[in-house]
Protein backbone atom coordinates (compact mmCIF):
# COMPACT_ATOMS: atom_id res chain seq x y z
CA MET A 1 -5.15 -24.48 19.96
CA ARG A 2 -3.83 -21.10 21.14
CA ILE A 3 -2.24 -19.38 18.15
CA LEU A 4 -0.24 -16.15 18.22
CA ILE A 5 -0.38 -14.30 14.88
CA THR A 6 2.04 -11.49 14.15
CA GLY A 7 0.79 -9.33 11.33
CA ALA A 8 -2.80 -9.97 12.41
CA THR A 9 -3.97 -6.54 11.24
CA GLY A 10 -2.49 -7.13 7.80
CA PHE A 11 -4.01 -8.49 4.64
CA ILE A 12 -2.97 -12.11 5.13
CA GLY A 13 -2.96 -11.97 8.92
CA SER A 14 -6.44 -10.51 9.27
CA HIS A 15 -8.00 -13.05 6.89
CA LEU A 16 -6.14 -15.89 8.56
CA ALA A 17 -7.12 -14.77 12.06
CA ARG A 18 -10.80 -14.83 11.10
CA ARG A 19 -10.44 -18.24 9.46
CA LEU A 20 -8.64 -19.84 12.42
CA ALA A 21 -11.09 -18.34 14.90
CA ALA A 22 -13.96 -19.80 12.85
CA ASP A 23 -12.22 -23.17 13.07
CA GLY A 24 -12.42 -22.98 16.85
CA HIS A 25 -8.88 -21.88 17.65
CA THR A 26 -8.07 -19.13 20.13
CA VAL A 27 -6.28 -16.41 18.18
CA ILE A 28 -3.97 -13.97 19.96
CA SER A 29 -2.88 -11.03 17.82
CA ALA A 30 0.45 -9.26 18.34
CA VAL A 31 0.41 -5.55 17.45
CA ARG A 32 2.17 -2.41 18.66
CA ASP A 33 -0.88 -0.82 20.30
CA ALA A 34 -2.77 -3.70 21.87
CA ALA A 35 -5.10 -1.39 23.81
CA LEU A 36 -6.24 0.37 20.65
CA TRP A 37 -7.05 -2.87 18.86
CA GLN A 38 -8.60 -4.39 21.96
CA ALA A 39 -11.07 -1.48 21.97
CA ARG A 40 -11.76 -1.95 18.26
CA LEU A 41 -12.18 -5.74 18.38
CA PRO A 42 -12.82 -6.69 22.01
CA GLN A 43 -13.83 -10.25 21.13
CA ARG A 44 -10.20 -11.03 20.27
CA GLU A 45 -7.10 -11.06 22.47
CA TRP A 46 -4.32 -8.60 21.64
CA ARG A 47 -0.72 -8.43 22.85
CA ALA A 48 1.72 -5.58 22.41
CA CYS A 49 4.87 -5.92 20.31
CA ASP A 50 7.05 -3.75 18.09
CA PHE A 51 8.89 -5.32 15.18
CA MET A 52 11.36 -2.45 15.04
CA ARG A 53 12.42 -2.89 18.67
CA ASP A 54 11.75 -6.45 19.86
CA ILE A 55 14.96 -7.86 18.40
CA ARG A 56 15.98 -10.12 21.34
CA PRO A 57 14.51 -13.54 22.19
CA GLU A 58 13.83 -12.38 25.75
CA ASP A 59 11.55 -9.66 24.34
CA TRP A 60 9.26 -12.44 23.12
CA THR A 61 9.47 -15.02 25.89
CA PRO A 62 6.76 -13.47 28.12
CA ARG A 63 4.33 -13.29 25.19
CA LEU A 64 4.70 -17.00 24.45
CA ALA A 65 3.95 -18.49 27.87
CA ASP A 66 0.55 -19.93 26.89
CA ILE A 67 1.00 -20.27 23.12
CA ASP A 68 0.91 -23.53 21.13
CA LEU A 69 1.71 -22.17 17.66
CA VAL A 70 3.12 -18.93 16.25
CA ILE A 71 2.32 -17.72 12.72
CA ASN A 72 4.56 -14.90 11.53
CA ALA A 73 2.72 -12.98 8.82
CA VAL A 74 4.62 -9.71 9.12
CA GLY A 75 5.95 -8.07 5.98
CA ILE A 76 6.67 -4.67 4.44
CA ILE A 77 7.18 -3.93 0.77
CA SER A 78 9.29 -0.81 1.23
CA GLU A 79 11.46 0.80 3.85
CA GLY A 80 10.78 4.06 5.61
CA ARG A 81 11.96 6.07 8.55
CA ASP A 82 10.11 3.77 10.95
CA GLN A 83 10.28 0.44 9.11
CA ARG A 84 13.35 -1.32 7.79
CA PHE A 85 13.73 -4.76 6.26
CA ALA A 86 16.61 -5.66 8.59
CA GLU A 87 14.52 -5.38 11.73
CA VAL A 88 10.97 -6.08 10.54
CA GLN A 89 11.64 -9.07 8.33
CA ALA A 90 14.94 -10.49 9.61
CA GLN A 91 16.16 -9.56 13.10
CA THR A 92 12.85 -9.50 14.96
CA PRO A 93 11.47 -12.69 13.35
CA ALA A 94 14.80 -14.37 14.18
CA ALA A 95 14.41 -13.32 17.82
CA LEU A 96 10.84 -14.63 17.82
CA PHE A 97 11.94 -17.95 16.32
CA HIS A 98 14.70 -18.36 18.91
CA ALA A 99 12.16 -17.78 21.69
CA CYS A 100 9.78 -20.30 20.12
CA SER A 101 12.56 -22.87 19.81
CA GLN A 102 13.52 -22.45 23.45
CA ALA A 103 9.88 -22.87 24.53
CA GLY A 104 9.12 -25.78 22.19
CA ILE A 105 6.49 -23.81 20.25
CA LYS A 106 5.64 -24.70 16.64
CA VAL A 107 6.06 -22.00 13.98
CA ILE A 108 4.60 -21.17 10.58
CA GLN A 109 6.67 -18.57 8.75
CA VAL A 110 4.90 -16.78 5.89
CA SER A 111 7.82 -15.96 3.61
CA GLY A 112 7.66 -14.99 -0.07
CA LEU A 113 7.99 -16.80 -3.36
CA GLY A 114 11.59 -16.41 -4.47
CA ALA A 115 13.08 -16.23 -0.98
CA GLU A 116 13.90 -19.94 -1.28
CA GLN A 117 16.28 -19.21 -4.15
CA GLN A 118 20.04 -18.68 -3.95
CA GLY A 119 21.95 -15.72 -5.30
CA PRO A 120 21.25 -11.98 -5.19
CA LEU A 121 17.68 -11.02 -4.31
CA PRO A 122 15.75 -7.77 -3.91
CA PRO A 123 15.83 -6.45 -0.30
CA PHE A 124 12.33 -7.70 0.49
CA LEU A 125 13.13 -11.30 -0.43
CA ALA A 126 16.68 -11.19 0.91
CA SER A 127 15.45 -10.25 4.39
CA LYS A 128 12.77 -12.94 4.23
CA ARG A 129 15.41 -15.50 3.26
CA GLU A 130 17.55 -14.46 6.22
CA ALA A 131 14.71 -15.10 8.68
CA ASP A 132 13.81 -18.38 6.93
CA ALA A 133 17.40 -19.61 7.31
CA VAL A 134 17.40 -18.91 11.04
CA LEU A 135 14.14 -20.79 11.55
CA TRP A 136 15.29 -23.75 9.44
CA GLN A 137 18.44 -24.22 11.50
CA LEU A 138 16.84 -23.97 14.95
CA PRO A 139 15.62 -27.02 16.88
CA GLY A 140 11.87 -27.46 16.82
CA GLU A 141 8.95 -27.96 14.46
CA ALA A 142 8.30 -25.40 11.74
CA VAL A 143 6.76 -24.90 8.31
CA ILE A 144 7.97 -22.18 5.96
CA VAL A 145 5.52 -21.24 3.22
CA HIS A 146 6.41 -19.22 0.15
CA PRO A 147 3.20 -17.71 -1.28
CA SER A 148 3.06 -16.26 -4.75
CA VAL A 149 1.28 -12.96 -5.37
CA VAL A 150 -1.81 -13.06 -3.17
CA ILE A 151 -5.04 -11.76 -4.71
CA GLY A 152 -8.03 -10.62 -2.70
CA ASP A 153 -9.94 -7.59 -1.49
CA GLY A 154 -7.70 -5.71 0.92
CA GLY A 155 -4.38 -6.70 -0.63
CA ASN A 156 -1.99 -4.03 -1.87
CA SER A 157 -1.03 -5.90 -5.01
CA THR A 158 -4.70 -6.53 -5.80
CA ALA A 159 -5.42 -2.82 -5.36
CA LEU A 160 -2.52 -1.92 -7.67
CA PHE A 161 -3.54 -4.41 -10.37
CA ALA A 162 -7.19 -3.35 -10.10
CA ARG A 163 -6.17 0.30 -10.39
CA LEU A 164 -4.29 -0.45 -13.61
CA ALA A 165 -7.14 -2.59 -14.91
CA ALA A 166 -9.69 0.18 -14.30
CA LEU A 167 -7.88 2.76 -16.46
CA PRO A 168 -9.22 3.53 -19.96
CA LEU A 169 -6.01 1.99 -21.34
CA MET A 170 -4.37 -0.67 -19.17
CA PRO A 171 -0.65 0.16 -18.84
CA VAL A 172 1.68 -2.85 -18.76
CA PRO A 173 5.47 -2.94 -18.40
CA GLY A 174 7.09 -3.79 -21.70
CA ASP A 175 4.89 -6.20 -23.60
CA GLY A 176 2.90 -7.27 -20.50
CA HIS A 177 3.82 -10.92 -20.94
CA GLN A 178 5.36 -11.33 -17.48
CA ARG A 179 4.00 -14.60 -16.10
CA LEU A 180 2.39 -14.97 -12.65
CA ASN A 181 0.50 -17.71 -10.89
CA PRO A 182 -1.27 -15.75 -8.15
CA ILE A 183 -3.07 -17.46 -5.31
CA HIS A 184 -6.36 -16.19 -3.89
CA ILE A 185 -6.36 -15.15 -0.23
CA ASP A 186 -9.09 -17.67 0.62
CA ASP A 187 -7.05 -20.53 -0.86
CA LEU A 188 -3.97 -19.38 1.03
CA CYS A 189 -5.92 -19.30 4.29
CA ASP A 190 -7.41 -22.73 3.54
CA THR A 191 -3.90 -24.11 3.12
CA LEU A 192 -2.58 -22.54 6.32
CA ALA A 193 -5.65 -23.68 8.26
CA HIS A 194 -5.14 -27.21 6.93
CA LEU A 195 -1.51 -27.13 8.05
CA VAL A 196 -2.62 -26.09 11.52
CA ALA A 197 -5.25 -28.84 11.71
CA HIS A 198 -2.97 -31.53 10.22
CA TRP A 199 0.40 -30.57 11.59
CA PRO A 200 3.09 -32.44 9.62
CA GLY A 201 5.80 -32.42 12.28
CA GLY A 202 9.49 -31.78 11.79
CA LYS A 203 10.43 -29.08 9.29
CA GLN A 204 8.86 -28.50 5.90
CA ARG A 205 8.86 -25.91 3.12
CA HIS A 206 6.02 -25.38 0.69
CA LEU A 207 5.53 -23.19 -2.37
CA LEU A 208 1.97 -21.89 -2.32
CA THR A 209 1.00 -20.81 -5.80
CA GLY A 210 -2.21 -20.56 -7.78
CA ALA A 211 -3.65 -23.12 -10.15
CA THR A 212 -3.62 -20.65 -13.06
CA THR A 213 -0.55 -19.19 -14.75
CA LEU A 214 -1.40 -15.84 -16.33
CA THR A 215 0.45 -13.12 -18.14
CA LEU A 216 0.14 -9.70 -16.59
CA ARG A 217 -2.11 -8.71 -19.51
CA GLU A 218 -4.39 -11.66 -18.77
CA LEU A 219 -4.47 -10.90 -15.04
CA LEU A 220 -5.49 -7.28 -15.64
CA ALA A 221 -8.17 -8.36 -18.11
CA LEU A 222 -9.50 -10.88 -15.59
CA LEU A 223 -9.68 -8.26 -12.84
CA ARG A 224 -11.38 -5.81 -15.20
CA GLU A 225 -13.99 -8.44 -16.03
CA TRP A 226 -14.39 -9.22 -12.30
CA MET A 227 -15.08 -5.53 -11.63
CA GLY A 228 -17.82 -5.54 -14.26
CA MET A 229 -15.99 -3.29 -16.72
CA GLY A 230 -15.84 -3.72 -20.48
CA ARG A 231 -12.78 -4.70 -22.45
CA THR A 232 -10.08 -2.16 -23.16
CA PRO A 233 -6.72 -2.39 -24.92
CA CYS A 234 -3.37 -2.52 -23.13
CA LEU A 235 -0.88 0.31 -23.30
CA PRO A 236 2.72 -1.00 -23.40
CA VAL A 237 5.01 1.20 -21.31
CA PRO A 238 8.69 1.18 -22.38
CA ARG A 239 10.94 -0.06 -19.62
CA PRO A 240 13.12 3.09 -19.45
CA LEU A 241 9.99 5.20 -18.95
CA LEU A 242 8.65 2.73 -16.40
CA HIS A 243 11.86 2.85 -14.37
CA MET A 244 11.85 6.66 -14.49
CA THR A 245 8.26 6.61 -13.22
CA ALA A 246 9.20 4.14 -10.49
CA ARG A 247 12.09 6.36 -9.42
CA ALA A 248 9.71 9.32 -9.22
CA GLY A 249 7.20 7.18 -7.33
CA GLU A 250 9.83 6.35 -4.71
CA ILE A 251 10.16 10.09 -4.06
CA VAL A 252 6.50 11.11 -4.21
CA ALA A 253 5.04 7.97 -2.58
CA PRO A 254 7.87 6.21 -0.70
CA GLN A 255 5.54 3.59 0.76
CA GLY A 256 3.87 2.75 -2.54
CA LEU A 257 4.22 -0.41 -4.65
CA LEU A 258 5.55 1.35 -7.76
CA ARG A 259 9.24 0.87 -7.02
CA ARG A 260 12.25 -0.31 -8.95
CA ASP A 261 12.78 -3.32 -6.71
CA THR A 262 9.16 -4.46 -7.10
CA LEU A 263 9.54 -4.11 -10.87
CA ALA A 264 12.66 -6.26 -10.63
CA MET A 265 10.75 -8.90 -8.66
CA MET A 266 7.99 -8.94 -11.27
CA ASP A 267 10.51 -9.39 -14.07
CA THR A 268 12.22 -12.31 -12.35
CA VAL A 269 9.25 -14.03 -10.68
CA ALA A 270 9.04 -17.80 -11.19
CA THR A 271 5.81 -19.75 -11.63
CA PRO A 272 6.43 -23.08 -9.90
CA ALA A 273 3.66 -25.52 -9.09
CA ASN A 274 1.96 -25.54 -5.71
CA THR A 275 3.70 -28.10 -3.46
CA TYR A 276 1.10 -28.57 -0.72
CA ALA A 277 -1.01 -31.31 -2.27
CA PRO A 278 -3.63 -31.80 0.52
CA CYS A 279 -5.17 -28.41 -0.22
CA PRO A 280 -4.90 -27.56 -3.95
CA PRO A 281 -5.85 -24.01 -4.97
CA ARG A 282 -8.66 -23.16 -7.35
CA PRO A 283 -8.31 -21.41 -10.71
CA LEU A 284 -8.13 -17.70 -10.00
CA ARG A 285 -11.23 -16.89 -12.08
CA GLU A 286 -13.31 -19.30 -10.01
CA ALA A 287 -11.88 -17.99 -6.73
CA LEU A 288 -12.60 -14.36 -7.67
CA TRP A 289 -16.15 -14.97 -8.80
CA THR A 290 -16.96 -16.74 -5.55
CA ARG A 291 -17.16 -13.19 -4.19
CA PRO A 292 -17.83 -10.70 -7.03
CA ALA A 293 -16.30 -7.26 -6.73
CA GLY A 294 -18.80 -4.77 -5.35
CA ASP A 295 -19.43 -1.22 -6.48
CA GLY A 296 -17.18 0.07 -3.71
CA PHE A 297 -14.20 -1.95 -4.92
CA ARG A 298 -14.70 -0.83 -8.51
CA THR A 299 -15.14 2.82 -7.51
CA ARG A 300 -12.01 2.72 -5.39
CA ALA A 301 -10.01 1.22 -8.24
CA VAL A 302 -11.18 3.96 -10.63
CA VAL A 303 -10.53 6.75 -8.12
CA ASP A 304 -7.12 5.39 -7.18
CA GLY A 305 -6.22 5.13 -10.85
CA ILE A 306 -7.09 8.74 -11.63
CA ARG A 307 -5.76 10.18 -8.38
CA PRO A 308 -2.06 10.43 -9.40
CA LEU A 309 -3.02 12.25 -12.60
CA LEU A 310 -5.32 14.57 -10.66
CA LEU A 311 -2.60 15.31 -8.12
CA ALA A 312 0.04 15.94 -10.77
CA SER A 313 -2.23 18.17 -12.87
CA LEU A 314 -3.28 20.32 -9.90
CA ALA A 315 0.30 20.64 -8.69
CA PHE A 316 1.23 21.76 -12.21
CA VAL A 317 -1.56 24.36 -12.17
CA TRP A 318 -0.32 25.89 -8.91
CA ILE A 319 3.36 25.87 -9.86
CA PHE A 320 2.71 27.12 -13.39
CA THR A 321 0.42 29.88 -12.11
CA GLY A 322 3.10 30.98 -9.66
CA LEU A 323 5.72 31.15 -12.41
CA VAL A 324 3.38 33.12 -14.68
CA SER A 325 2.52 35.57 -11.90
CA LEU A 326 6.11 36.15 -10.79
CA TRP A 327 8.03 36.11 -14.07
CA TRP A 328 6.34 35.21 -17.29
CA ASN A 329 3.38 37.57 -17.39
CA ARG A 330 3.58 40.09 -14.55
CA PRO A 331 1.92 42.86 -16.64
CA ALA A 332 -1.33 40.86 -16.75
CA GLY A 333 -1.37 40.78 -12.96
CA TYR A 334 -0.82 44.52 -12.70
CA ALA A 335 -3.56 45.13 -15.28
CA LEU A 336 -6.04 42.96 -13.37
CA LEU A 337 -5.30 44.72 -10.09
CA ALA A 338 -5.46 48.10 -11.78
CA ASP A 339 -9.00 47.28 -12.93
CA ALA A 340 -9.83 46.84 -9.25
CA GLY A 341 -8.13 50.15 -8.35
CA ILE A 342 -5.05 48.54 -6.76
CA LEU A 343 -1.75 50.13 -7.77
CA ASP A 344 1.89 49.94 -6.65
CA PRO A 345 3.30 49.33 -4.12
CA LEU A 346 0.34 47.23 -2.94
CA ALA A 347 0.00 45.62 -6.38
CA SER A 348 3.61 44.40 -6.35
CA LEU A 349 3.17 43.05 -2.83
CA LEU A 350 0.05 41.10 -3.83
CA ILE A 351 1.63 39.73 -7.02
CA ASN A 352 4.84 38.65 -5.30
CA SER A 353 3.13 37.12 -2.28
CA GLY A 354 0.46 35.44 -4.38
CA GLY A 355 2.96 33.95 -6.81
CA ALA A 356 5.18 32.71 -3.99
CA ALA A 357 2.18 31.14 -2.28
CA ASP A 358 1.19 29.37 -5.50
CA LEU A 359 4.69 27.94 -5.92
CA ALA A 360 4.88 26.84 -2.29
CA LEU A 361 1.47 25.14 -2.35
CA GLY A 362 2.29 23.32 -5.58
CA ALA A 363 5.56 22.10 -4.10
CA LEU A 364 3.83 20.99 -0.89
CA MET A 365 1.50 18.80 -2.96
CA LEU A 366 4.52 16.83 -4.15
CA ALA A 367 5.74 16.27 -0.58
CA GLY A 368 3.72 13.41 0.89
CA PRO A 369 3.68 14.39 4.58
CA SER A 370 2.52 17.95 3.75
CA ARG A 371 -0.28 17.21 1.30
CA ARG A 372 -3.19 17.53 3.71
CA LEU A 373 -1.90 20.92 4.82
CA ALA A 374 -1.40 21.95 1.18
CA TYR A 375 -4.96 20.98 0.23
CA ARG A 376 -6.46 22.86 3.17
CA LEU A 377 -4.45 25.97 2.39
CA GLN A 378 -5.39 25.75 -1.29
CA ILE A 379 -9.08 25.50 -0.47
CA ALA A 380 -8.82 28.45 1.92
CA LEU A 381 -6.87 30.50 -0.63
CA MET A 382 -9.34 29.78 -3.45
CA LEU A 383 -12.32 30.64 -1.26
CA ALA A 384 -10.63 33.86 -0.18
CA TYR A 385 -9.80 34.66 -3.80
CA LEU A 386 -13.40 34.11 -4.90
CA ALA A 387 -14.70 36.23 -2.05
CA ILE A 388 -12.30 39.10 -2.78
CA ILE A 389 -12.98 38.98 -6.52
CA SER A 390 -16.71 39.02 -5.86
CA VAL A 391 -16.32 42.23 -3.85
CA ILE A 392 -13.71 44.22 -5.76
CA LEU A 393 -14.24 42.93 -9.32
CA PRO A 394 -17.60 41.12 -9.65
CA ALA A 395 -17.52 41.45 -13.45
CA ALA A 396 -14.72 38.86 -13.51
CA TRP A 397 -17.35 36.16 -12.96
CA LEU A 398 -18.61 36.90 -16.49
CA ALA A 399 -15.22 36.60 -18.20
CA PRO A 400 -15.65 34.52 -21.39
CA LEU A 401 -12.69 32.23 -20.61
CA GLY A 402 -13.92 31.51 -17.09
CA GLU A 403 -10.81 32.63 -15.20
CA VAL A 404 -12.88 32.84 -12.01
CA THR A 405 -15.49 30.14 -12.51
CA LYS A 406 -12.76 27.55 -13.23
CA ASN A 407 -11.91 27.74 -9.55
CA LEU A 408 -15.12 25.86 -8.74
CA PRO A 409 -14.05 22.51 -10.28
CA LEU A 410 -10.57 23.11 -8.86
CA LEU A 411 -12.16 23.43 -5.43
CA ALA A 412 -14.10 20.20 -5.93
CA ALA A 413 -11.00 18.34 -7.17
CA THR A 414 -8.92 19.62 -4.26
CA TRP A 415 -11.60 18.59 -1.77
CA LEU A 416 -11.62 15.11 -3.34
CA LEU A 417 -7.84 14.80 -2.98
CA LEU A 418 -8.08 15.98 0.63
CA ALA A 419 -10.75 13.38 1.35
CA LEU A 420 -8.60 10.64 -0.23
CA GLU A 421 -5.36 11.66 1.47
CA PRO A 422 -4.64 9.47 4.50
CA GLY A 423 -4.92 11.31 7.78
CA PRO A 424 -2.42 11.26 10.64
CA GLY A 425 -1.34 7.70 11.32
CA ILE A 426 -3.05 6.38 8.17
CA GLY A 427 -0.17 6.36 5.74
CA LEU A 428 -0.01 4.60 2.40
CA MET A 429 -0.83 0.91 2.51
CA ARG A 430 2.04 -1.25 3.38
CA ARG A 431 2.47 -4.47 1.57
CA GLY A 432 -0.53 -6.52 2.51
CA GLU A 433 -1.50 -4.42 5.48
CA ALA A 434 -4.97 -3.57 6.66
CA ARG A 435 -3.76 -0.55 8.60
CA PRO A 436 -1.37 1.44 6.43
CA ALA A 437 1.79 2.84 7.84
CA GLY A 438 4.62 5.04 6.83
CA VAL A 439 4.29 7.59 9.62
CA ARG A 440 5.36 6.73 13.14
CA LEU A 441 2.83 7.72 15.74
CA PRO A 442 3.24 7.50 19.47
CA ARG A 443 1.38 4.51 20.87
CA ARG A 444 -0.12 3.46 17.57
CA SER A 445 -0.43 -0.02 16.10
CA GLY A 446 2.48 -0.78 13.86
CA LYS A 447 4.68 -3.27 12.07
CA THR A 448 2.15 -5.96 11.39
CA GLY A 449 1.81 -6.21 7.66
CA GLY A 450 0.88 -9.33 5.76
CA ALA A 451 3.69 -11.12 4.01
CA GLY A 452 2.14 -11.72 0.61
CA LEU A 453 2.01 -9.31 -2.28
């Protein structure tokens, strides 16, 4: 069978593409920059699309000429300048479904658990529900699946939960007794592959949930065990503080998972039973231990967990130092420069410019798009500072409080943050996506995220 997968570079889409190809199907992947991905994975066929622009059925008709089945696995967890729920999860899928209906092509829509419900929904689920409704009403054969939280290496939700689980104290919202029945990515792909191989005909909906219902505390403990880490207590986070943190996270990391709407989804998530009986999921513990977490996964979880604290503490150091230099303790700056033989007006110029630079660099650290520039400038400034001090005041290296030597760990920490900061075109991970987004690049692969948390 020739299967077109949208979202084929995402978490769900990439796993599913490999599974269907192993089953003998011909997989065609729809991405924004087909040439780029064709060069990366030449053994697969790639076709260009853009889920922010291809909002008419005629945009999709040429891509469907030789297709037997379309699987829409596109999804984003948050909106940005170049990705909006209305287009990515509603209008463009609706256009795709209309084109499929006109051509008599079968469709599998990967929706989200909760989108099948009535009443007010968070934007992510509301846009999914809108696309689901269009597909359900069109002539043709289709299956809409509503997966629960999807767990597996490469998933954004898995990375977030693992990050929390790897901390010395595992923070949980409220009492941590929110209930989930997550499904492992392999079980989800098994189910979708079974649907493809045993097509039911007509129209169907299925809730795809895990065999195990866990509290959030239990899920974090399970992931911590899976990563080979010892037990640690949970740290309940009061809801007002959590919502304040989420609000700040929306500003500092707009494409991240720590958002008020994702917190709302977690608080209201249901735990229904899996409704696709031919392919029942395994208990999550069994599914995880089929492929134990490697050292790389554990290291990444630890580093990702400490990274926000490292970023915030270094930003504080730069901003606080700038305030001290400019206002709170200017005499100390003049005294230090006087020891090196530098007096006014040059001393005032150095203090004012240095303090302003410190404030600006600290502020740049809190602005996502400018962080790489901020880190590079900080490293350059610290190296220049160490070089100048070594020439004009070498005795400062022997200061008992280590005012100079403390720059060495600061340099190392800044270099680490620079190495971890996504480069151009590699923004924060979208929901379920293998290639993160958040920054629009010309002729780069785009809106193809997986649809499962």
